[in-house]
Amino acid sequence: MGYYLIMNQAIAKVYSVGNYTISETDTKRDVDFRRFNVSKDGARKPYVVTFQTNTGRKAACSCPAGIRQLGCKHVVMVKSVYA
């Protein structure tokens, strides 16, 4: 776990899980309760995982599986780290 300044935002906790880096960011919409960036080593753009409730029951991800509502590993990964 580390603390980093992310694009002029507040200092966020950053976790590493395997080849992935997970960092919490500021929410951009009123409907999001929590928002995370999940990036893989060497990837150009991170996936965005958002939770609409504080229990984590309603979650979304910007990856192809998350967009099609199939459930994705990124949501499961964030839940395991921040549960």
Protein backbone atom coordinates (compact mmCIF):
# COMPACT_ATOMS: atom_id res chain seq x y z
CA MET A 1 0.00 0.00 0.00
CA GLY A 2 1.25 3.49 -0.76
CA TYR A 3 0.04 7.06 -0.88
CA TYR A 4 0.30 9.08 -4.08
CA LEU A 5 -0.88 12.41 -5.46
CA ILE A 6 -3.11 11.62 -8.44
CA MET A 7 -3.54 14.43 -10.99
CA ASN A 8 -3.79 17.27 -8.46
CA GLN A 9 -6.37 15.40 -6.40
CA ALA A 10 -6.20 14.55 -2.74
CA ILE A 11 -3.74 11.92 -1.64
CA ALA A 12 -5.22 8.48 -2.27
CA LYS A 13 -4.43 4.99 -1.03
CA VAL A 14 -2.93 2.83 -3.75
CA TYR A 15 -2.96 -0.97 -3.56
CA SER A 16 -1.21 -3.53 -5.75
CA VAL A 17 -2.89 -6.84 -6.52
CA GLY A 18 -0.83 -9.04 -8.83
CA ASN A 19 -0.22 -7.01 -12.00
CA TYR A 20 -2.96 -4.49 -11.14
CA THR A 21 -2.86 -1.17 -9.30
CA ILE A 22 -6.05 0.03 -7.56
CA SER A 23 -6.49 3.65 -6.46
CA GLU A 24 -9.53 5.47 -5.09
CA THR A 25 -10.41 8.73 -6.85
CA ASP A 26 -12.97 11.47 -6.40
CA THR A 27 -16.50 10.76 -7.56
CA LYS A 28 -17.57 12.65 -10.67
CA ARG A 29 -21.33 12.23 -10.45
CA ASP A 30 -23.86 12.55 -7.65
CA VAL A 31 -24.96 8.93 -8.08
CA ASP A 32 -21.51 7.44 -7.39
CA PHE A 33 -20.72 6.59 -3.79
CA ARG A 34 -17.10 5.49 -4.42
CA ARG A 35 -14.92 5.46 -7.55
CA PHE A 36 -11.69 3.56 -8.28
CA ASN A 37 -9.13 3.36 -11.09
CA VAL A 38 -7.88 -0.15 -11.86
CA SER A 39 -4.84 -0.28 -14.12
CA LYS A 40 -2.69 -3.16 -15.27
CA ASP A 41 1.06 -2.83 -15.54
CA GLY A 42 1.88 -1.53 -19.01
CA ALA A 43 -1.70 -0.54 -19.87
CA ARG A 44 -2.37 2.86 -21.39
CA LYS A 45 -5.72 3.60 -19.78
CA PRO A 46 -7.20 2.40 -16.46
CA TYR A 47 -10.65 0.88 -16.08
CA VAL A 48 -13.03 2.82 -13.84
CA VAL A 49 -15.00 0.93 -11.19
CA THR A 50 -17.84 2.77 -9.46
CA PHE A 51 -20.16 1.83 -6.63
CA GLN A 52 -23.56 3.48 -6.40
CA THR A 53 -24.30 2.32 -2.83
CA ASN A 54 -22.22 2.17 0.30
CA THR A 55 -22.79 -1.60 0.57
CA GLY A 56 -21.29 -2.19 -2.90
CA ARG A 57 -24.38 -4.00 -4.19
CA LYS A 58 -24.69 -1.79 -7.29
CA ALA A 59 -21.36 -1.64 -9.09
CA ALA A 60 -20.23 -0.82 -12.62
CA CYS A 61 -16.97 -1.11 -14.56
CA SER A 62 -15.80 0.46 -17.81
CA CYS A 63 -14.34 -2.82 -19.12
CA PRO A 64 -16.21 -4.75 -21.87
CA ALA A 65 -17.62 -7.32 -19.40
CA GLY A 66 -18.75 -4.57 -17.02
CA ILE A 67 -20.46 -2.61 -19.79
CA ARG A 68 -22.43 -5.70 -20.84
CA GLN A 69 -23.48 -6.31 -17.19
CA LEU A 70 -21.80 -9.73 -17.12
CA GLY A 71 -19.88 -9.12 -13.92
CA CYS A 72 -16.17 -8.55 -14.12
CA LYS A 73 -12.99 -9.36 -12.25
CA HIS A 74 -12.21 -5.67 -11.63
CA VAL A 75 -15.29 -5.18 -9.42
CA VAL A 76 -14.49 -8.38 -7.50
CA MET A 77 -10.87 -7.25 -7.09
CA VAL A 78 -11.83 -3.81 -5.72
CA LYS A 79 -14.37 -5.37 -3.35
CA SER A 80 -11.73 -7.76 -2.00
CA VAL A 81 -9.27 -4.93 -1.29
CA TYR A 82 -11.65 -2.29 0.05
CA ALA A 83 -14.20 -4.52 1.82
